Amino acid sequence: MSTVQLTAAAGFALVALAMWWGFLRPVPEIRATGVVEAKVHKPAGEYQRTPVELSRGFRAPTRVPTAEAWIFQVRLDESGELAAVAQNVIAAREFEVGDRVDIAFQRRGFPPLWERVTVIRMESHPS
């Protein structure tokens, strides 16, 4: 193998390692309590997915339906951060603005540069 090939292989390995670190590695589940500050309705809709292929054949775009949902903004007690949580229509009936809730979430990304909070579940806080 030449030096160029070894350098390229090492570069690809570093990119793969960075992707694993930022998006796939196991991270702890964090639990927090907060208050629902906003409840916004997101109507059902659809988006268009256009295939990108090397073949020259004609491929029509595919329409993908999206379900109706409610988007909640929860202000966390400990940190004051806002967390966004999407719930389907039936699960959303349980929550209203001002309710105290428990959420479980994960932090992913590259902490000094970029971070994303992924909410796993939201439950009513026992009074």
N, C-alpha and C. Protein backbone atom coordinates (compact mmCIF):
# COMPACT_ATOMS: atom_id res chain seq x y z
N MET A 1 0.84 -1.19 0.00
CA MET A 1 0.00 0.00 0.00
C MET A 1 0.88 1.25 0.00
N SER A 2 0.38 2.22 -0.68
CA SER A 2 1.15 3.47 -0.75
C SER A 2 0.80 4.37 0.44
N THR A 3 1.59 5.39 0.62
CA THR A 3 1.38 6.34 1.70
C THR A 3 0.05 7.06 1.54
N VAL A 4 -0.31 7.36 0.30
CA VAL A 4 -1.57 8.06 0.04
C VAL A 4 -2.75 7.18 0.46
N GLN A 5 -2.69 5.90 0.14
CA GLN A 5 -3.77 4.99 0.52
C GLN A 5 -3.86 4.83 2.03
N LEU A 6 -2.72 4.73 2.69
CA LEU A 6 -2.73 4.61 4.15
C LEU A 6 -3.26 5.88 4.81
N THR A 7 -2.90 7.02 4.28
CA THR A 7 -3.39 8.29 4.81
C THR A 7 -4.90 8.41 4.62
N ALA A 8 -5.40 8.03 3.44
CA ALA A 8 -6.83 8.07 3.17
C ALA A 8 -7.58 7.10 4.09
N ALA A 9 -7.04 5.89 4.27
CA ALA A 9 -7.68 4.91 5.15
C ALA A 9 -7.73 5.42 6.59
N ALA A 10 -6.64 6.03 7.05
CA ALA A 10 -6.62 6.59 8.40
C ALA A 10 -7.63 7.73 8.54
N GLY A 11 -7.75 8.55 7.50
CA GLY A 11 -8.73 9.65 7.52
C GLY A 11 -10.15 9.13 7.59
N PHE A 12 -10.46 8.10 6.79
CA PHE A 12 -11.80 7.51 6.83
C PHE A 12 -12.08 6.87 8.19
N ALA A 13 -11.08 6.24 8.77
CA ALA A 13 -11.24 5.63 10.09
C ALA A 13 -11.52 6.70 11.14
N LEU A 14 -10.85 7.84 11.06
CA LEU A 14 -11.09 8.93 12.01
C LEU A 14 -12.50 9.50 11.85
N VAL A 15 -12.96 9.64 10.61
CA VAL A 15 -14.32 10.13 10.38
C VAL A 15 -15.34 9.15 10.94
N ALA A 16 -15.13 7.85 10.71
CA ALA A 16 -16.04 6.83 11.24
C ALA A 16 -16.05 6.84 12.76
N LEU A 17 -14.89 7.00 13.37
CA LEU A 17 -14.81 7.06 14.83
C LEU A 17 -15.53 8.30 15.37
N ALA A 18 -15.37 9.43 14.70
CA ALA A 18 -16.06 10.65 15.12
C ALA A 18 -17.57 10.49 15.00
N MET A 19 -18.06 9.87 13.94
CA MET A 19 -19.49 9.65 13.78
C MET A 19 -20.03 8.73 14.88
N TRP A 20 -19.27 7.67 15.18
CA TRP A 20 -19.70 6.77 16.25
C TRP A 20 -19.75 7.52 17.58
N TRP A 21 -18.71 8.33 17.87
CA TRP A 21 -18.65 9.07 19.12
C TRP A 21 -19.82 10.05 19.25
N GLY A 22 -20.14 10.75 18.18
CA GLY A 22 -21.17 11.78 18.25
C GLY A 22 -22.58 11.26 18.22
N PHE A 23 -22.83 10.14 17.51
CA PHE A 23 -24.20 9.73 17.27
C PHE A 23 -24.57 8.33 17.75
N LEU A 24 -23.63 7.43 17.89
CA LEU A 24 -23.97 6.03 18.15
C LEU A 24 -23.52 5.48 19.49
N ARG A 25 -22.54 6.08 20.11
CA ARG A 25 -22.00 5.50 21.35
C ARG A 25 -23.08 5.45 22.43
N PRO A 26 -22.98 4.48 23.33
CA PRO A 26 -23.95 4.42 24.43
C PRO A 26 -23.78 5.63 25.35
N VAL A 27 -24.85 6.31 25.66
CA VAL A 27 -24.81 7.44 26.58
C VAL A 27 -25.84 7.20 27.69
N PRO A 28 -25.62 7.76 28.86
CA PRO A 28 -26.55 7.53 29.96
C PRO A 28 -27.88 8.25 29.74
N GLU A 29 -28.92 7.66 30.29
CA GLU A 29 -30.24 8.27 30.26
C GLU A 29 -30.33 9.22 31.45
N ILE A 30 -30.71 10.47 31.20
CA ILE A 30 -30.80 11.48 32.25
C ILE A 30 -32.28 11.73 32.53
N ARG A 31 -32.63 11.76 33.79
CA ARG A 31 -34.01 12.03 34.18
C ARG A 31 -34.09 13.42 34.79
N ALA A 32 -35.15 14.14 34.48
CA ALA A 32 -35.33 15.49 35.01
C ALA A 32 -36.82 15.78 35.15
N THR A 33 -37.12 16.78 35.95
CA THR A 33 -38.49 17.24 36.15
C THR A 33 -38.59 18.64 35.57
N GLY A 34 -39.75 18.95 35.01
CA GLY A 34 -39.94 20.27 34.45
C GLY A 34 -41.41 20.64 34.36
N VAL A 35 -41.67 21.80 33.78
CA VAL A 35 -43.02 22.31 33.61
C VAL A 35 -43.28 22.53 32.13
N VAL A 36 -44.44 22.10 31.66
CA VAL A 36 -44.82 22.31 30.26
C VAL A 36 -45.13 23.79 30.06
N GLU A 37 -44.36 24.45 29.20
CA GLU A 37 -44.55 25.88 28.94
C GLU A 37 -45.38 26.15 27.69
N ALA A 38 -45.35 25.24 26.73
CA ALA A 38 -46.10 25.46 25.49
C ALA A 38 -46.56 24.12 24.93
N LYS A 39 -47.69 24.16 24.26
CA LYS A 39 -48.25 22.98 23.58
C LYS A 39 -48.72 23.45 22.21
N VAL A 40 -48.02 23.01 21.16
CA VAL A 40 -48.29 23.48 19.81
C VAL A 40 -48.74 22.31 18.94
N HIS A 41 -49.84 22.50 18.24
CA HIS A 41 -50.37 21.45 17.37
C HIS A 41 -49.63 21.43 16.03
N LYS A 42 -49.23 20.25 15.61
CA LYS A 42 -48.60 20.08 14.29
C LYS A 42 -49.54 19.20 13.48
N PRO A 43 -50.23 19.76 12.48
CA PRO A 43 -51.20 18.98 11.72
C PRO A 43 -50.54 17.90 10.86
N ALA A 44 -51.35 16.94 10.49
CA ALA A 44 -50.87 15.89 9.60
C ALA A 44 -50.49 16.52 8.26
N GLY A 45 -49.56 15.91 7.61
CA GLY A 45 -49.14 16.43 6.31
C GLY A 45 -48.38 15.37 5.55
N GLU A 46 -47.58 15.82 4.64
CA GLU A 46 -46.74 14.88 3.90
C GLU A 46 -45.53 15.63 3.36
N TYR A 47 -44.51 14.86 3.10
CA TYR A 47 -43.35 15.44 2.44
C TYR A 47 -43.00 14.59 1.25
N GLN A 48 -42.26 15.16 0.35
CA GLN A 48 -41.93 14.48 -0.90
C GLN A 48 -40.48 14.02 -0.85
N ARG A 49 -40.31 12.75 -1.14
CA ARG A 49 -38.96 12.17 -1.14
C ARG A 49 -38.57 11.86 -2.57
N THR A 50 -37.53 12.51 -3.04
CA THR A 50 -37.08 12.34 -4.41
C THR A 50 -35.86 11.43 -4.44
N PRO A 51 -35.95 10.31 -5.16
CA PRO A 51 -34.80 9.40 -5.22
C PRO A 51 -33.64 10.00 -6.01
N VAL A 52 -32.44 9.76 -5.51
CA VAL A 52 -31.24 10.20 -6.20
C VAL A 52 -30.46 8.95 -6.54
N GLU A 53 -30.38 8.65 -7.81
CA GLU A 53 -29.71 7.43 -8.24
C GLU A 53 -28.79 7.73 -9.42
N LEU A 54 -27.90 6.81 -9.66
CA LEU A 54 -26.99 6.95 -10.79
C LEU A 54 -27.62 6.47 -12.09
N SER A 55 -28.64 5.61 -11.98
CA SER A 55 -29.26 5.10 -13.22
C SER A 55 -30.02 6.23 -13.90
N ARG A 56 -30.15 6.12 -15.17
CA ARG A 56 -30.80 7.18 -15.94
C ARG A 56 -32.31 6.95 -16.07
N GLY A 57 -32.83 5.91 -15.47
CA GLY A 57 -34.27 5.65 -15.53
C GLY A 57 -35.06 6.69 -14.76
N PHE A 58 -36.31 6.88 -15.16
CA PHE A 58 -37.17 7.86 -14.50
C PHE A 58 -37.72 7.28 -13.21
N ARG A 59 -37.54 7.97 -12.13
CA ARG A 59 -38.10 7.57 -10.84
C ARG A 59 -38.96 8.72 -10.33
N ALA A 60 -40.22 8.43 -10.09
CA ALA A 60 -41.14 9.45 -9.59
C ALA A 60 -40.90 9.68 -8.10
N PRO A 61 -41.11 10.90 -7.62
CA PRO A 61 -40.98 11.17 -6.19
C PRO A 61 -42.03 10.39 -5.40
N THR A 62 -41.70 10.05 -4.18
CA THR A 62 -42.62 9.33 -3.31
C THR A 62 -43.16 10.29 -2.27
N ARG A 63 -44.47 10.28 -2.07
CA ARG A 63 -45.08 11.11 -1.04
C ARG A 63 -45.17 10.30 0.25
N VAL A 64 -44.63 10.86 1.32
CA VAL A 64 -44.59 10.18 2.61
C VAL A 64 -45.48 10.96 3.59
N PRO A 65 -46.55 10.31 4.10
CA PRO A 65 -47.43 11.02 5.04
C PRO A 65 -46.79 11.14 6.42
N THR A 66 -47.08 12.24 7.11
CA THR A 66 -46.64 12.42 8.49
C THR A 66 -47.88 12.52 9.37
N ALA A 67 -47.80 11.96 10.55
CA ALA A 67 -48.94 11.92 11.46
C ALA A 67 -49.11 13.25 12.19
N GLU A 68 -50.33 13.49 12.62
CA GLU A 68 -50.64 14.65 13.45
C GLU A 68 -49.96 14.47 14.80
N ALA A 69 -49.48 15.56 15.39
CA ALA A 69 -48.77 15.46 16.67
C ALA A 69 -48.92 16.76 17.45
N TRP A 70 -48.52 16.70 18.71
CA TRP A 70 -48.43 17.87 19.57
C TRP A 70 -46.98 18.02 19.99
N ILE A 71 -46.46 19.23 19.90
CA ILE A 71 -45.09 19.53 20.30
C ILE A 71 -45.14 20.28 21.63
N PHE A 72 -44.48 19.72 22.64
CA PHE A 72 -44.44 20.33 23.97
C PHE A 72 -43.08 20.95 24.20
N GLN A 73 -43.06 22.12 24.84
CA GLN A 73 -41.81 22.71 25.29
C GLN A 73 -41.81 22.64 26.81
N VAL A 74 -40.80 21.93 27.33
CA VAL A 74 -40.71 21.69 28.77
C VAL A 74 -39.49 22.44 29.31
N ARG A 75 -39.71 23.29 30.32
CA ARG A 75 -38.62 24.00 30.98
C ARG A 75 -38.14 23.12 32.14
N LEU A 76 -36.87 22.69 32.08
CA LEU A 76 -36.32 21.81 33.09
C LEU A 76 -36.01 22.59 34.37
N ASP A 77 -36.32 21.99 35.52
CA ASP A 77 -36.13 22.67 36.81
C ASP A 77 -34.67 22.89 37.14
N GLU A 78 -33.83 21.87 36.98
CA GLU A 78 -32.44 21.96 37.43
C GLU A 78 -31.61 22.94 36.61
N SER A 79 -31.74 22.87 35.28
CA SER A 79 -30.85 23.67 34.42
C SER A 79 -31.53 24.88 33.78
N GLY A 80 -32.85 24.90 33.76
CA GLY A 80 -33.57 25.99 33.10
C GLY A 80 -33.63 25.86 31.59
N GLU A 81 -33.09 24.75 31.05
CA GLU A 81 -33.11 24.52 29.60
C GLU A 81 -34.52 24.21 29.12
N LEU A 82 -34.76 24.46 27.83
CA LEU A 82 -36.00 24.06 27.19
C LEU A 82 -35.77 22.75 26.45
N ALA A 83 -36.68 21.81 26.63
CA ALA A 83 -36.63 20.54 25.90
C ALA A 83 -37.90 20.43 25.08
N ALA A 84 -37.77 20.04 23.82
CA ALA A 84 -38.93 19.86 22.95
C ALA A 84 -39.28 18.38 22.90
N VAL A 85 -40.57 18.08 23.06
CA VAL A 85 -41.04 16.70 23.07
C VAL A 85 -42.23 16.61 22.12
N ALA A 86 -42.19 15.65 21.20
CA ALA A 86 -43.31 15.41 20.30
C ALA A 86 -44.09 14.19 20.81
N GLN A 87 -45.41 14.33 20.89
CA GLN A 87 -46.28 13.23 21.32
C GLN A 87 -47.40 13.07 20.30
N ASN A 88 -47.85 11.82 20.13
CA ASN A 88 -48.98 11.63 19.24
C ASN A 88 -50.24 12.18 19.90
N VAL A 89 -51.33 12.26 19.16
CA VAL A 89 -52.54 12.92 19.62
C VAL A 89 -53.11 12.26 20.87
N ILE A 90 -53.11 10.95 20.92
CA ILE A 90 -53.69 10.24 22.05
C ILE A 90 -52.85 10.43 23.31
N ALA A 91 -51.54 10.30 23.21
CA ALA A 91 -50.66 10.49 24.37
C ALA A 91 -50.67 11.94 24.84
N ALA A 92 -50.88 12.88 23.93
CA ALA A 92 -50.84 14.30 24.28
C ALA A 92 -52.04 14.75 25.10
N ARG A 93 -53.11 13.98 25.09
CA ARG A 93 -54.31 14.36 25.87
C ARG A 93 -54.01 14.44 27.36
N GLU A 94 -53.00 13.73 27.79
CA GLU A 94 -52.66 13.65 29.21
C GLU A 94 -51.97 14.91 29.73
N PHE A 95 -51.42 15.74 28.85
CA PHE A 95 -50.59 16.87 29.26
C PHE A 95 -51.20 18.19 28.81
N GLU A 96 -51.08 19.21 29.68
CA GLU A 96 -51.53 20.57 29.37
C GLU A 96 -50.45 21.55 29.82
N VAL A 97 -50.54 22.78 29.35
CA VAL A 97 -49.59 23.82 29.74
C VAL A 97 -49.70 24.03 31.25
N GLY A 98 -48.55 24.10 31.91
CA GLY A 98 -48.51 24.27 33.36
C GLY A 98 -48.35 22.98 34.13
N ASP A 99 -48.52 21.83 33.49
CA ASP A 99 -48.36 20.54 34.16
C ASP A 99 -46.90 20.28 34.48
N ARG A 100 -46.65 19.62 35.63
CA ARG A 100 -45.30 19.16 35.98
C ARG A 100 -45.13 17.78 35.37
N VAL A 101 -43.99 17.57 34.73
CA VAL A 101 -43.72 16.30 34.05
C VAL A 101 -42.31 15.81 34.36
N ASP A 102 -42.13 14.51 34.26
CA ASP A 102 -40.81 13.88 34.34
C ASP A 102 -40.43 13.49 32.92
N ILE A 103 -39.20 13.81 32.52
CA ILE A 103 -38.74 13.40 31.19
C ILE A 103 -37.44 12.63 31.34
N ALA A 104 -37.21 11.75 30.39
CA ALA A 104 -35.94 11.02 30.28
C ALA A 104 -35.34 11.42 28.94
N PHE A 105 -34.05 11.78 28.95
CA PHE A 105 -33.42 12.23 27.72
C PHE A 105 -31.97 11.80 27.68
N GLN A 106 -31.37 11.95 26.50
CA GLN A 106 -29.96 11.67 26.28
C GLN A 106 -29.31 12.88 25.62
N ARG A 107 -28.07 13.13 25.96
CA ARG A 107 -27.29 14.19 25.30
C ARG A 107 -26.31 13.52 24.34
N ARG A 108 -26.36 13.93 23.09
CA ARG A 108 -25.45 13.39 22.08
C ARG A 108 -24.75 14.52 21.36
N GLY A 109 -23.65 14.20 20.71
CA GLY A 109 -22.94 15.20 19.93
C GLY A 109 -21.51 15.35 20.39
N PHE A 110 -20.96 16.52 20.11
CA PHE A 110 -19.59 16.86 20.47
C PHE A 110 -19.66 18.02 21.44
N PRO A 111 -19.68 17.73 22.76
CA PRO A 111 -20.01 18.73 23.78
C PRO A 111 -19.40 20.12 23.63
N PRO A 112 -18.15 20.30 23.32
CA PRO A 112 -17.70 21.69 23.22
C PRO A 112 -18.23 22.41 21.97
N LEU A 113 -18.54 21.66 20.92
CA LEU A 113 -18.93 22.28 19.65
C LEU A 113 -20.43 22.22 19.38
N TRP A 114 -21.02 21.05 19.54
CA TRP A 114 -22.42 20.85 19.16
C TRP A 114 -23.01 19.76 20.03
N GLU A 115 -24.26 19.97 20.46
CA GLU A 115 -24.91 19.00 21.32
C GLU A 115 -26.39 18.95 21.00
N ARG A 116 -26.96 17.75 21.05
CA ARG A 116 -28.38 17.57 20.78
C ARG A 116 -28.98 16.78 21.93
N VAL A 117 -30.12 17.24 22.42
CA VAL A 117 -30.85 16.54 23.47
C VAL A 117 -31.97 15.76 22.81
N THR A 118 -31.98 14.44 23.03
CA THR A 118 -33.02 13.58 22.48
C THR A 118 -33.90 13.10 23.63
N VAL A 119 -35.16 13.50 23.63
CA VAL A 119 -36.09 13.09 24.68
C VAL A 119 -36.60 11.69 24.35
N ILE A 120 -36.51 10.80 25.33
CA ILE A 120 -36.92 9.42 25.13
C ILE A 120 -38.37 9.23 25.54
N ARG A 121 -38.75 9.81 26.69
CA ARG A 121 -40.15 9.70 27.13
C ARG A 121 -40.50 10.85 28.07
N MET A 122 -41.81 11.08 28.16
CA MET A 122 -42.34 12.11 29.05
C MET A 122 -43.52 11.50 29.81
N GLU A 123 -43.51 11.67 31.12
CA GLU A 123 -44.56 11.10 31.97
C GLU A 123 -45.08 12.17 32.92
N SER A 124 -46.30 12.01 33.40
CA SER A 124 -46.85 12.92 34.39
C SER A 124 -46.07 12.78 35.68
N HIS A 125 -45.82 13.92 36.33
CA HIS A 125 -45.09 13.92 37.60
C HIS A 125 -46.07 13.56 38.71
N PRO A 126 -45.73 12.56 39.53
CA PRO A 126 -46.65 12.21 40.64
C PRO A 126 -46.73 13.35 41.65
N SER A 127 -47.92 13.72 41.99
CA SER A 127 -48.11 14.86 42.92
C SER A 127 -48.00 14.44 44.36
